[in-house]
PDBML (XML) file of the C-alpha atoms, coordinates in Angstrom:
<?xml version="1.0" encoding="UTF-8" ?>
<PDBx:datablock datablockName="MODEL"
   xmlns:PDBx="http://pdbml.pdb.org/schema/pdbx-v50.xsd"
   xmlns:xsi="http://www.w3.org/2001/XMLSchema-instance"
   xsi:schemaLocation="http://pdbml.pdb.org/schema/pdbx-v50.xsd pdbx-v50.xsd">
   <PDBx:atom_siteCategory>
      <PDBx:atom_site id="1">
         <PDBx:B_iso_or_equiv>0.00</PDBx:B_iso_or_equiv>
         <PDBx:Cartn_x>-0.115</PDBx:Cartn_x>
         <PDBx:Cartn_y>0.473</PDBx:Cartn_y>
         <PDBx:Cartn_z>-0.184</PDBx:Cartn_z>
         <PDBx:auth_asym_id>A</PDBx:auth_asym_id>
         <PDBx:auth_atom_id>CA</PDBx:auth_atom_id>
         <PDBx:auth_comp_id>VAL</PDBx:auth_comp_id>
         <PDBx:auth_seq_id>1</PDBx:auth_seq_id>
         <PDBx:group_PDB>ATOM</PDBx:group_PDB>
         <PDBx:label_alt_id xsi:nil="true" />
         <PDBx:label_asym_id>A</PDBx:label_asym_id>
         <PDBx:label_atom_id>CA</PDBx:label_atom_id>
         <PDBx:label_comp_id>VAL</PDBx:label_comp_id>
         <PDBx:label_entity_id>1</PDBx:label_entity_id>
         <PDBx:label_seq_id>1</PDBx:label_seq_id>
         <PDBx:occupancy>1.00</PDBx:occupancy>
         <PDBx:pdbx_PDB_model_num>1</PDBx:pdbx_PDB_model_num>
         <PDBx:type_symbol>C</PDBx:type_symbol>
      </PDBx:atom_site>
      <PDBx:atom_site id="2">
         <PDBx:B_iso_or_equiv>0.00</PDBx:B_iso_or_equiv>
         <PDBx:Cartn_x>3.136</PDBx:Cartn_x>
         <PDBx:Cartn_y>2.182</PDBx:Cartn_y>
         <PDBx:Cartn_z>0.660</PDBx:Cartn_z>
         <PDBx:auth_asym_id>A</PDBx:auth_asym_id>
         <PDBx:auth_atom_id>CA</PDBx:auth_atom_id>
         <PDBx:auth_comp_id>ALA</PDBx:auth_comp_id>
         <PDBx:auth_seq_id>2</PDBx:auth_seq_id>
         <PDBx:group_PDB>ATOM</PDBx:group_PDB>
         <PDBx:label_alt_id xsi:nil="true" />
         <PDBx:label_asym_id>A</PDBx:label_asym_id>
         <PDBx:label_atom_id>CA</PDBx:label_atom_id>
         <PDBx:label_comp_id>ALA</PDBx:label_comp_id>
         <PDBx:label_entity_id>1</PDBx:label_entity_id>
         <PDBx:label_seq_id>2</PDBx:label_seq_id>
         <PDBx:occupancy>1.00</PDBx:occupancy>
         <PDBx:pdbx_PDB_model_num>1</PDBx:pdbx_PDB_model_num>
         <PDBx:type_symbol>C</PDBx:type_symbol>
      </PDBx:atom_site>
      <PDBx:atom_site id="3">
         <PDBx:B_iso_or_equiv>0.00</PDBx:B_iso_or_equiv>
         <PDBx:Cartn_x>5.592</PDBx:Cartn_x>
         <PDBx:Cartn_y>3.221</PDBx:Cartn_y>
         <PDBx:Cartn_z>2.308</PDBx:Cartn_z>
         <PDBx:auth_asym_id>A</PDBx:auth_asym_id>
         <PDBx:auth_atom_id>CA</PDBx:auth_atom_id>
         <PDBx:auth_comp_id>ALA</PDBx:auth_comp_id>
         <PDBx:auth_seq_id>3</PDBx:auth_seq_id>
         <PDBx:group_PDB>ATOM</PDBx:group_PDB>
         <PDBx:label_alt_id xsi:nil="true" />
         <PDBx:label_asym_id>A</PDBx:label_asym_id>
         <PDBx:label_atom_id>CA</PDBx:label_atom_id>
         <PDBx:label_comp_id>ALA</PDBx:label_comp_id>
         <PDBx:label_entity_id>1</PDBx:label_entity_id>
         <PDBx:label_seq_id>3</PDBx:label_seq_id>
         <PDBx:occupancy>1.00</PDBx:occupancy>
         <PDBx:pdbx_PDB_model_num>1</PDBx:pdbx_PDB_model_num>
         <PDBx:type_symbol>C</PDBx:type_symbol>
      </PDBx:atom_site>
      <PDBx:atom_site id="4">
         <PDBx:B_iso_or_equiv>0.00</PDBx:B_iso_or_equiv>
         <PDBx:Cartn_x>7.445</PDBx:Cartn_x>
         <PDBx:Cartn_y>5.740</PDBx:Cartn_y>
         <PDBx:Cartn_z>4.650</PDBx:Cartn_z>
         <PDBx:auth_asym_id>A</PDBx:auth_asym_id>
         <PDBx:auth_atom_id>CA</PDBx:auth_atom_id>
         <PDBx:auth_comp_id>ILE</PDBx:auth_comp_id>
         <PDBx:auth_seq_id>4</PDBx:auth_seq_id>
         <PDBx:group_PDB>ATOM</PDBx:group_PDB>
         <PDBx:label_alt_id xsi:nil="true" />
         <PDBx:label_asym_id>A</PDBx:label_asym_id>
         <PDBx:label_atom_id>CA</PDBx:label_atom_id>
         <PDBx:label_comp_id>ILE</PDBx:label_comp_id>
         <PDBx:label_entity_id>1</PDBx:label_entity_id>
         <PDBx:label_seq_id>4</PDBx:label_seq_id>
         <PDBx:occupancy>1.00</PDBx:occupancy>
         <PDBx:pdbx_PDB_model_num>1</PDBx:pdbx_PDB_model_num>
         <PDBx:type_symbol>C</PDBx:type_symbol>
      </PDBx:atom_site>
      <PDBx:atom_site id="5">
         <PDBx:B_iso_or_equiv>0.00</PDBx:B_iso_or_equiv>
         <PDBx:Cartn_x>11.898</PDBx:Cartn_x>
         <PDBx:Cartn_y>6.154</PDBx:Cartn_y>
         <PDBx:Cartn_z>4.976</PDBx:Cartn_z>
         <PDBx:auth_asym_id>A</PDBx:auth_asym_id>
         <PDBx:auth_atom_id>CA</PDBx:auth_atom_id>
         <PDBx:auth_comp_id>GLY</PDBx:auth_comp_id>
         <PDBx:auth_seq_id>5</PDBx:auth_seq_id>
         <PDBx:group_PDB>ATOM</PDBx:group_PDB>
         <PDBx:label_alt_id xsi:nil="true" />
         <PDBx:label_asym_id>A</PDBx:label_asym_id>
         <PDBx:label_atom_id>CA</PDBx:label_atom_id>
         <PDBx:label_comp_id>GLY</PDBx:label_comp_id>
         <PDBx:label_entity_id>1</PDBx:label_entity_id>
         <PDBx:label_seq_id>5</PDBx:label_seq_id>
         <PDBx:occupancy>1.00</PDBx:occupancy>
         <PDBx:pdbx_PDB_model_num>1</PDBx:pdbx_PDB_model_num>
         <PDBx:type_symbol>C</PDBx:type_symbol>
      </PDBx:atom_site>
      <PDBx:atom_site id="6">
         <PDBx:B_iso_or_equiv>0.00</PDBx:B_iso_or_equiv>
         <PDBx:Cartn_x>12.811</PDBx:Cartn_x>
         <PDBx:Cartn_y>6.727</PDBx:Cartn_y>
         <PDBx:Cartn_z>7.809</PDBx:Cartn_z>
         <PDBx:auth_asym_id>A</PDBx:auth_asym_id>
         <PDBx:auth_atom_id>CA</PDBx:auth_atom_id>
         <PDBx:auth_comp_id>ARG</PDBx:auth_comp_id>
         <PDBx:auth_seq_id>6</PDBx:auth_seq_id>
         <PDBx:group_PDB>ATOM</PDBx:group_PDB>
         <PDBx:label_alt_id xsi:nil="true" />
         <PDBx:label_asym_id>A</PDBx:label_asym_id>
         <PDBx:label_atom_id>CA</PDBx:label_atom_id>
         <PDBx:label_comp_id>ARG</PDBx:label_comp_id>
         <PDBx:label_entity_id>1</PDBx:label_entity_id>
         <PDBx:label_seq_id>6</PDBx:label_seq_id>
         <PDBx:occupancy>1.00</PDBx:occupancy>
         <PDBx:pdbx_PDB_model_num>1</PDBx:pdbx_PDB_model_num>
         <PDBx:type_symbol>C</PDBx:type_symbol>
      </PDBx:atom_site>
      <PDBx:atom_site id="7">
         <PDBx:B_iso_or_equiv>0.00</PDBx:B_iso_or_equiv>
         <PDBx:Cartn_x>13.202</PDBx:Cartn_x>
         <PDBx:Cartn_y>10.554</PDBx:Cartn_y>
         <PDBx:Cartn_z>8.378</PDBx:Cartn_z>
         <PDBx:auth_asym_id>A</PDBx:auth_asym_id>
         <PDBx:auth_atom_id>CA</PDBx:auth_atom_id>
         <PDBx:auth_comp_id>ARG</PDBx:auth_comp_id>
         <PDBx:auth_seq_id>7</PDBx:auth_seq_id>
         <PDBx:group_PDB>ATOM</PDBx:group_PDB>
         <PDBx:label_alt_id xsi:nil="true" />
         <PDBx:label_asym_id>A</PDBx:label_asym_id>
         <PDBx:label_atom_id>CA</PDBx:label_atom_id>
         <PDBx:label_comp_id>ARG</PDBx:label_comp_id>
         <PDBx:label_entity_id>1</PDBx:label_entity_id>
         <PDBx:label_seq_id>7</PDBx:label_seq_id>
         <PDBx:occupancy>1.00</PDBx:occupancy>
         <PDBx:pdbx_PDB_model_num>1</PDBx:pdbx_PDB_model_num>
         <PDBx:type_symbol>C</PDBx:type_symbol>
      </PDBx:atom_site>
      <PDBx:atom_site id="8">
         <PDBx:B_iso_or_equiv>0.00</PDBx:B_iso_or_equiv>
         <PDBx:Cartn_x>9.610</PDBx:Cartn_x>
         <PDBx:Cartn_y>10.761</PDBx:Cartn_y>
         <PDBx:Cartn_z>6.517</PDBx:Cartn_z>
         <PDBx:auth_asym_id>A</PDBx:auth_asym_id>
         <PDBx:auth_atom_id>CA</PDBx:auth_atom_id>
         <PDBx:auth_comp_id>GLY</PDBx:auth_comp_id>
         <PDBx:auth_seq_id>8</PDBx:auth_seq_id>
         <PDBx:group_PDB>ATOM</PDBx:group_PDB>
         <PDBx:label_alt_id xsi:nil="true" />
         <PDBx:label_asym_id>A</PDBx:label_asym_id>
         <PDBx:label_atom_id>CA</PDBx:label_atom_id>
         <PDBx:label_comp_id>GLY</PDBx:label_comp_id>
         <PDBx:label_entity_id>1</PDBx:label_entity_id>
         <PDBx:label_seq_id>8</PDBx:label_seq_id>
         <PDBx:occupancy>1.00</PDBx:occupancy>
         <PDBx:pdbx_PDB_model_num>1</PDBx:pdbx_PDB_model_num>
         <PDBx:type_symbol>C</PDBx:type_symbol>
      </PDBx:atom_site>
      <PDBx:atom_site id="9">
         <PDBx:B_iso_or_equiv>0.00</PDBx:B_iso_or_equiv>
         <PDBx:Cartn_x>11.537</PDBx:Cartn_x>
         <PDBx:Cartn_y>13.020</PDBx:Cartn_y>
         <PDBx:Cartn_z>2.915</PDBx:Cartn_z>
         <PDBx:auth_asym_id>A</PDBx:auth_asym_id>
         <PDBx:auth_atom_id>CA</PDBx:auth_atom_id>
         <PDBx:auth_comp_id>TYR</PDBx:auth_comp_id>
         <PDBx:auth_seq_id>9</PDBx:auth_seq_id>
         <PDBx:group_PDB>ATOM</PDBx:group_PDB>
         <PDBx:label_alt_id xsi:nil="true" />
         <PDBx:label_asym_id>A</PDBx:label_asym_id>
         <PDBx:label_atom_id>CA</PDBx:label_atom_id>
         <PDBx:label_comp_id>TYR</PDBx:label_comp_id>
         <PDBx:label_entity_id>1</PDBx:label_entity_id>
         <PDBx:label_seq_id>9</PDBx:label_seq_id>
         <PDBx:occupancy>1.00</PDBx:occupancy>
         <PDBx:pdbx_PDB_model_num>1</PDBx:pdbx_PDB_model_num>
         <PDBx:type_symbol>C</PDBx:type_symbol>
      </PDBx:atom_site>
      <PDBx:atom_site id="10">
         <PDBx:B_iso_or_equiv>0.00</PDBx:B_iso_or_equiv>
         <PDBx:Cartn_x>10.921</PDBx:Cartn_x>
         <PDBx:Cartn_y>9.476</PDBx:Cartn_y>
         <PDBx:Cartn_z>0.351</PDBx:Cartn_z>
         <PDBx:auth_asym_id>A</PDBx:auth_asym_id>
         <PDBx:auth_atom_id>CA</PDBx:auth_atom_id>
         <PDBx:auth_comp_id>ILE</PDBx:auth_comp_id>
         <PDBx:auth_seq_id>10</PDBx:auth_seq_id>
         <PDBx:group_PDB>ATOM</PDBx:group_PDB>
         <PDBx:label_alt_id xsi:nil="true" />
         <PDBx:label_asym_id>A</PDBx:label_asym_id>
         <PDBx:label_atom_id>CA</PDBx:label_atom_id>
         <PDBx:label_comp_id>ILE</PDBx:label_comp_id>
         <PDBx:label_entity_id>1</PDBx:label_entity_id>
         <PDBx:label_seq_id>10</PDBx:label_seq_id>
         <PDBx:occupancy>1.00</PDBx:occupancy>
         <PDBx:pdbx_PDB_model_num>1</PDBx:pdbx_PDB_model_num>
         <PDBx:type_symbol>C</PDBx:type_symbol>
      </PDBx:atom_site>
      <PDBx:atom_site id="11">
         <PDBx:B_iso_or_equiv>0.00</PDBx:B_iso_or_equiv>
         <PDBx:Cartn_x>7.924</PDBx:Cartn_x>
         <PDBx:Cartn_y>7.732</PDBx:Cartn_y>
         <PDBx:Cartn_z>0.109</PDBx:Cartn_z>
         <PDBx:auth_asym_id>A</PDBx:auth_asym_id>
         <PDBx:auth_atom_id>CA</PDBx:auth_atom_id>
         <PDBx:auth_comp_id>THR</PDBx:auth_comp_id>
         <PDBx:auth_seq_id>11</PDBx:auth_seq_id>
         <PDBx:group_PDB>ATOM</PDBx:group_PDB>
         <PDBx:label_alt_id xsi:nil="true" />
         <PDBx:label_asym_id>A</PDBx:label_asym_id>
         <PDBx:label_atom_id>CA</PDBx:label_atom_id>
         <PDBx:label_comp_id>THR</PDBx:label_comp_id>
         <PDBx:label_entity_id>1</PDBx:label_entity_id>
         <PDBx:label_seq_id>11</PDBx:label_seq_id>
         <PDBx:occupancy>1.00</PDBx:occupancy>
         <PDBx:pdbx_PDB_model_num>1</PDBx:pdbx_PDB_model_num>
         <PDBx:type_symbol>C</PDBx:type_symbol>
      </PDBx:atom_site>
      <PDBx:atom_site id="12">
         <PDBx:B_iso_or_equiv>0.00</PDBx:B_iso_or_equiv>
         <PDBx:Cartn_x>6.474</PDBx:Cartn_x>
         <PDBx:Cartn_y>5.171</PDBx:Cartn_y>
         <PDBx:Cartn_z>-2.456</PDBx:Cartn_z>
         <PDBx:auth_asym_id>A</PDBx:auth_asym_id>
         <PDBx:auth_atom_id>CA</PDBx:auth_atom_id>
         <PDBx:auth_comp_id>TYR</PDBx:auth_comp_id>
         <PDBx:auth_seq_id>12</PDBx:auth_seq_id>
         <PDBx:group_PDB>ATOM</PDBx:group_PDB>
         <PDBx:label_alt_id xsi:nil="true" />
         <PDBx:label_asym_id>A</PDBx:label_asym_id>
         <PDBx:label_atom_id>CA</PDBx:label_atom_id>
         <PDBx:label_comp_id>TYR</PDBx:label_comp_id>
         <PDBx:label_entity_id>1</PDBx:label_entity_id>
         <PDBx:label_seq_id>12</PDBx:label_seq_id>
         <PDBx:occupancy>1.00</PDBx:occupancy>
         <PDBx:pdbx_PDB_model_num>1</PDBx:pdbx_PDB_model_num>
         <PDBx:type_symbol>C</PDBx:type_symbol>
      </PDBx:atom_site>
      <PDBx:atom_site id="13">
         <PDBx:B_iso_or_equiv>0.00</PDBx:B_iso_or_equiv>
         <PDBx:Cartn_x>2.772</PDBx:Cartn_x>
         <PDBx:Cartn_y>4.029</PDBx:Cartn_y>
         <PDBx:Cartn_z>-3.302</PDBx:Cartn_z>
         <PDBx:auth_asym_id>A</PDBx:auth_asym_id>
         <PDBx:auth_atom_id>CA</PDBx:auth_atom_id>
         <PDBx:auth_comp_id>TYR</PDBx:auth_comp_id>
         <PDBx:auth_seq_id>13</PDBx:auth_seq_id>
         <PDBx:group_PDB>ATOM</PDBx:group_PDB>
         <PDBx:label_alt_id xsi:nil="true" />
         <PDBx:label_asym_id>A</PDBx:label_asym_id>
         <PDBx:label_atom_id>CA</PDBx:label_atom_id>
         <PDBx:label_comp_id>TYR</PDBx:label_comp_id>
         <PDBx:label_entity_id>1</PDBx:label_entity_id>
         <PDBx:label_seq_id>13</PDBx:label_seq_id>
         <PDBx:occupancy>1.00</PDBx:occupancy>
         <PDBx:pdbx_PDB_model_num>1</PDBx:pdbx_PDB_model_num>
         <PDBx:type_symbol>C</PDBx:type_symbol>
      </PDBx:atom_site>
      <PDBx:atom_site id="14">
         <PDBx:B_iso_or_equiv>0.00</PDBx:B_iso_or_equiv>
         <PDBx:Cartn_x>0.745</PDBx:Cartn_x>
         <PDBx:Cartn_y>1.213</PDBx:Cartn_y>
         <PDBx:Cartn_z>-4.707</PDBx:Cartn_z>
         <PDBx:auth_asym_id>A</PDBx:auth_asym_id>
         <PDBx:auth_atom_id>CA</PDBx:auth_atom_id>
         <PDBx:auth_comp_id>GLY</PDBx:auth_comp_id>
         <PDBx:auth_seq_id>14</PDBx:auth_seq_id>
         <PDBx:group_PDB>ATOM</PDBx:group_PDB>
         <PDBx:label_alt_id xsi:nil="true" />
         <PDBx:label_asym_id>A</PDBx:label_asym_id>
         <PDBx:label_atom_id>CA</PDBx:label_atom_id>
         <PDBx:label_comp_id>GLY</PDBx:label_comp_id>
         <PDBx:label_entity_id>1</PDBx:label_entity_id>
         <PDBx:label_seq_id>14</PDBx:label_seq_id>
         <PDBx:occupancy>1.00</PDBx:occupancy>
         <PDBx:pdbx_PDB_model_num>1</PDBx:pdbx_PDB_model_num>
         <PDBx:type_symbol>C</PDBx:type_symbol>
      </PDBx:atom_site>
      <PDBx:atom_site id="15">
         <PDBx:B_iso_or_equiv>0.00</PDBx:B_iso_or_equiv>
         <PDBx:Cartn_x>-1.209</PDBx:Cartn_x>
         <PDBx:Cartn_y>2.086</PDBx:Cartn_y>
         <PDBx:Cartn_z>-7.726</PDBx:Cartn_z>
         <PDBx:auth_asym_id>A</PDBx:auth_asym_id>
         <PDBx:auth_atom_id>CA</PDBx:auth_atom_id>
         <PDBx:auth_comp_id>ASP</PDBx:auth_comp_id>
         <PDBx:auth_seq_id>15</PDBx:auth_seq_id>
         <PDBx:group_PDB>ATOM</PDBx:group_PDB>
         <PDBx:label_alt_id xsi:nil="true" />
         <PDBx:label_asym_id>A</PDBx:label_asym_id>
         <PDBx:label_atom_id>CA</PDBx:label_atom_id>
         <PDBx:label_comp_id>ASP</PDBx:label_comp_id>
         <PDBx:label_entity_id>1</PDBx:label_entity_id>
         <PDBx:label_seq_id>15</PDBx:label_seq_id>
         <PDBx:occupancy>1.00</PDBx:occupancy>
         <PDBx:pdbx_PDB_model_num>1</PDBx:pdbx_PDB_model_num>
         <PDBx:type_symbol>C</PDBx:type_symbol>
      </PDBx:atom_site>
      <PDBx:atom_site id="16">
         <PDBx:B_iso_or_equiv>0.00</PDBx:B_iso_or_equiv>
         <PDBx:Cartn_x>-4.293</PDBx:Cartn_x>
         <PDBx:Cartn_y>0.757</PDBx:Cartn_y>
         <PDBx:Cartn_z>-6.278</PDBx:Cartn_z>
         <PDBx:auth_asym_id>A</PDBx:auth_asym_id>
         <PDBx:auth_atom_id>CA</PDBx:auth_atom_id>
         <PDBx:auth_comp_id>SER</PDBx:auth_comp_id>
         <PDBx:auth_seq_id>16</PDBx:auth_seq_id>
         <PDBx:group_PDB>ATOM</PDBx:group_PDB>
         <PDBx:label_alt_id xsi:nil="true" />
         <PDBx:label_asym_id>A</PDBx:label_asym_id>
         <PDBx:label_atom_id>CA</PDBx:label_atom_id>
         <PDBx:label_comp_id>SER</PDBx:label_comp_id>
         <PDBx:label_entity_id>1</PDBx:label_entity_id>
         <PDBx:label_seq_id>16</PDBx:label_seq_id>
         <PDBx:occupancy>1.00</PDBx:occupancy>
         <PDBx:pdbx_PDB_model_num>1</PDBx:pdbx_PDB_model_num>
         <PDBx:type_symbol>C</PDBx:type_symbol>
      </PDBx:atom_site>
      <PDBx:atom_site id="17">
         <PDBx:B_iso_or_equiv>0.00</PDBx:B_iso_or_equiv>
         <PDBx:Cartn_x>-4.363</PDBx:Cartn_x>
         <PDBx:Cartn_y>4.118</PDBx:Cartn_y>
         <PDBx:Cartn_z>-3.737</PDBx:Cartn_z>
         <PDBx:auth_asym_id>A</PDBx:auth_asym_id>
         <PDBx:auth_atom_id>CA</PDBx:auth_atom_id>
         <PDBx:auth_comp_id>VAL</PDBx:auth_comp_id>
         <PDBx:auth_seq_id>17</PDBx:auth_seq_id>
         <PDBx:group_PDB>ATOM</PDBx:group_PDB>
         <PDBx:label_alt_id xsi:nil="true" />
         <PDBx:label_asym_id>A</PDBx:label_asym_id>
         <PDBx:label_atom_id>CA</PDBx:label_atom_id>
         <PDBx:label_comp_id>VAL</PDBx:label_comp_id>
         <PDBx:label_entity_id>1</PDBx:label_entity_id>
         <PDBx:label_seq_id>17</PDBx:label_seq_id>
         <PDBx:occupancy>1.00</PDBx:occupancy>
         <PDBx:pdbx_PDB_model_num>1</PDBx:pdbx_PDB_model_num>
         <PDBx:type_symbol>C</PDBx:type_symbol>
      </PDBx:atom_site>
      <PDBx:atom_site id="18">
         <PDBx:B_iso_or_equiv>0.00</PDBx:B_iso_or_equiv>
         <PDBx:Cartn_x>-1.758</PDBx:Cartn_x>
         <PDBx:Cartn_y>6.268</PDBx:Cartn_y>
         <PDBx:Cartn_z>-5.214</PDBx:Cartn_z>
         <PDBx:auth_asym_id>A</PDBx:auth_asym_id>
         <PDBx:auth_atom_id>CA</PDBx:auth_atom_id>
         <PDBx:auth_comp_id>GLU</PDBx:auth_comp_id>
         <PDBx:auth_seq_id>18</PDBx:auth_seq_id>
         <PDBx:group_PDB>ATOM</PDBx:group_PDB>
         <PDBx:label_alt_id xsi:nil="true" />
         <PDBx:label_asym_id>A</PDBx:label_asym_id>
         <PDBx:label_atom_id>CA</PDBx:label_atom_id>
         <PDBx:label_comp_id>GLU</PDBx:label_comp_id>
         <PDBx:label_entity_id>1</PDBx:label_entity_id>
         <PDBx:label_seq_id>18</PDBx:label_seq_id>
         <PDBx:occupancy>1.00</PDBx:occupancy>
         <PDBx:pdbx_PDB_model_num>1</PDBx:pdbx_PDB_model_num>
         <PDBx:type_symbol>C</PDBx:type_symbol>
      </PDBx:atom_site>
      <PDBx:atom_site id="19">
         <PDBx:B_iso_or_equiv>0.00</PDBx:B_iso_or_equiv>
         <PDBx:Cartn_x>-3.606</PDBx:Cartn_x>
         <PDBx:Cartn_y>10.253</PDBx:Cartn_y>
         <PDBx:Cartn_z>-5.393</PDBx:Cartn_z>
         <PDBx:auth_asym_id>A</PDBx:auth_asym_id>
         <PDBx:auth_atom_id>CA</PDBx:auth_atom_id>
         <PDBx:auth_comp_id>GLY</PDBx:auth_comp_id>
         <PDBx:auth_seq_id>19</PDBx:auth_seq_id>
         <PDBx:group_PDB>ATOM</PDBx:group_PDB>
         <PDBx:label_alt_id xsi:nil="true" />
         <PDBx:label_asym_id>A</PDBx:label_asym_id>
         <PDBx:label_atom_id>CA</PDBx:label_atom_id>
         <PDBx:label_comp_id>GLY</PDBx:label_comp_id>
         <PDBx:label_entity_id>1</PDBx:label_entity_id>
         <PDBx:label_seq_id>19</PDBx:label_seq_id>
         <PDBx:occupancy>1.00</PDBx:occupancy>
         <PDBx:pdbx_PDB_model_num>1</PDBx:pdbx_PDB_model_num>
         <PDBx:type_symbol>C</PDBx:type_symbol>
      </PDBx:atom_site>
      <PDBx:atom_site id="20">
         <PDBx:B_iso_or_equiv>0.00</PDBx:B_iso_or_equiv>
         <PDBx:Cartn_x>-6.027</PDBx:Cartn_x>
         <PDBx:Cartn_y>8.472</PDBx:Cartn_y>
         <PDBx:Cartn_z>-2.737</PDBx:Cartn_z>
         <PDBx:auth_asym_id>A</PDBx:auth_asym_id>
         <PDBx:auth_atom_id>CA</PDBx:auth_atom_id>
         <PDBx:auth_comp_id>ARG</PDBx:auth_comp_id>
         <PDBx:auth_seq_id>20</PDBx:auth_seq_id>
         <PDBx:group_PDB>ATOM</PDBx:group_PDB>
         <PDBx:label_alt_id xsi:nil="true" />
         <PDBx:label_asym_id>A</PDBx:label_asym_id>
         <PDBx:label_atom_id>CA</PDBx:label_atom_id>
         <PDBx:label_comp_id>ARG</PDBx:label_comp_id>
         <PDBx:label_entity_id>1</PDBx:label_entity_id>
         <PDBx:label_seq_id>20</PDBx:label_seq_id>
         <PDBx:occupancy>1.00</PDBx:occupancy>
         <PDBx:pdbx_PDB_model_num>1</PDBx:pdbx_PDB_model_num>
         <PDBx:type_symbol>C</PDBx:type_symbol>
      </PDBx:atom_site>
      <PDBx:atom_site id="21">
         <PDBx:B_iso_or_equiv>0.00</PDBx:B_iso_or_equiv>
         <PDBx:Cartn_x>-3.650</PDBx:Cartn_x>
         <PDBx:Cartn_y>7.416</PDBx:Cartn_y>
         <PDBx:Cartn_z>0.340</PDBx:Cartn_z>
         <PDBx:auth_asym_id>A</PDBx:auth_asym_id>
         <PDBx:auth_atom_id>CA</PDBx:auth_atom_id>
         <PDBx:auth_comp_id>ALA</PDBx:auth_comp_id>
         <PDBx:auth_seq_id>21</PDBx:auth_seq_id>
         <PDBx:group_PDB>ATOM</PDBx:group_PDB>
         <PDBx:label_alt_id xsi:nil="true" />
         <PDBx:label_asym_id>A</PDBx:label_asym_id>
         <PDBx:label_atom_id>CA</PDBx:label_atom_id>
         <PDBx:label_comp_id>ALA</PDBx:label_comp_id>
         <PDBx:label_entity_id>1</PDBx:label_entity_id>
         <PDBx:label_seq_id>21</PDBx:label_seq_id>
         <PDBx:occupancy>1.00</PDBx:occupancy>
         <PDBx:pdbx_PDB_model_num>1</PDBx:pdbx_PDB_model_num>
         <PDBx:type_symbol>C</PDBx:type_symbol>
      </PDBx:atom_site>
      <PDBx:atom_site id="22">
         <PDBx:B_iso_or_equiv>0.00</PDBx:B_iso_or_equiv>
         <PDBx:Cartn_x>-1.174</PDBx:Cartn_x>
         <PDBx:Cartn_y>9.309</PDBx:Cartn_y>
         <PDBx:Cartn_z>2.252</PDBx:Cartn_z>
         <PDBx:auth_asym_id>A</PDBx:auth_asym_id>
         <PDBx:auth_atom_id>CA</PDBx:auth_atom_id>
         <PDBx:auth_comp_id>THR</PDBx:auth_comp_id>
         <PDBx:auth_seq_id>22</PDBx:auth_seq_id>
         <PDBx:group_PDB>ATOM</PDBx:group_PDB>
         <PDBx:label_alt_id xsi:nil="true" />
         <PDBx:label_asym_id>A</PDBx:label_asym_id>
         <PDBx:label_atom_id>CA</PDBx:label_atom_id>
         <PDBx:label_comp_id>THR</PDBx:label_comp_id>
         <PDBx:label_entity_id>1</PDBx:label_entity_id>
         <PDBx:label_seq_id>22</PDBx:label_seq_id>
         <PDBx:occupancy>1.00</PDBx:occupancy>
         <PDBx:pdbx_PDB_model_num>1</PDBx:pdbx_PDB_model_num>
         <PDBx:type_symbol>C</PDBx:type_symbol>
      </PDBx:atom_site>
      <PDBx:atom_site id="23">
         <PDBx:B_iso_or_equiv>0.00</PDBx:B_iso_or_equiv>
         <PDBx:Cartn_x>1.620</PDBx:Cartn_x>
         <PDBx:Cartn_y>7.269</PDBx:Cartn_y>
         <PDBx:Cartn_z>4.383</PDBx:Cartn_z>
         <PDBx:auth_asym_id>A</PDBx:auth_asym_id>
         <PDBx:auth_atom_id>CA</PDBx:auth_atom_id>
         <PDBx:auth_comp_id>ILE</PDBx:auth_comp_id>
         <PDBx:auth_seq_id>23</PDBx:auth_seq_id>
         <PDBx:group_PDB>ATOM</PDBx:group_PDB>
         <PDBx:label_alt_id xsi:nil="true" />
         <PDBx:label_asym_id>A</PDBx:label_asym_id>
         <PDBx:label_atom_id>CA</PDBx:label_atom_id>
         <PDBx:label_comp_id>ILE</PDBx:label_comp_id>
         <PDBx:label_entity_id>1</PDBx:label_entity_id>
         <PDBx:label_seq_id>23</PDBx:label_seq_id>
         <PDBx:occupancy>1.00</PDBx:occupancy>
         <PDBx:pdbx_PDB_model_num>1</PDBx:pdbx_PDB_model_num>
         <PDBx:type_symbol>C</PDBx:type_symbol>
      </PDBx:atom_site>
      <PDBx:atom_site id="24">
         <PDBx:B_iso_or_equiv>0.00</PDBx:B_iso_or_equiv>
         <PDBx:Cartn_x>2.990</PDBx:Cartn_x>
         <PDBx:Cartn_y>9.686</PDBx:Cartn_y>
         <PDBx:Cartn_z>7.145</PDBx:Cartn_z>
         <PDBx:auth_asym_id>A</PDBx:auth_asym_id>
         <PDBx:auth_atom_id>CA</PDBx:auth_atom_id>
         <PDBx:auth_comp_id>SER</PDBx:auth_comp_id>
         <PDBx:auth_seq_id>24</PDBx:auth_seq_id>
         <PDBx:group_PDB>ATOM</PDBx:group_PDB>
         <PDBx:label_alt_id xsi:nil="true" />
         <PDBx:label_asym_id>A</PDBx:label_asym_id>
         <PDBx:label_atom_id>CA</PDBx:label_atom_id>
         <PDBx:label_comp_id>SER</PDBx:label_comp_id>
         <PDBx:label_entity_id>1</PDBx:label_entity_id>
         <PDBx:label_seq_id>24</PDBx:label_seq_id>
         <PDBx:occupancy>1.00</PDBx:occupancy>
         <PDBx:pdbx_PDB_model_num>1</PDBx:pdbx_PDB_model_num>
         <PDBx:type_symbol>C</PDBx:type_symbol>
      </PDBx:atom_site>
   </PDBx:atom_siteCategory>
</PDBx:datablock>
């Protein structure tokens, strides 16, 4: 679904949730 780096600067999202998801 989503991933976030150690400091929160980099985020990735799965195709099914792109544009709808926010990881923090």
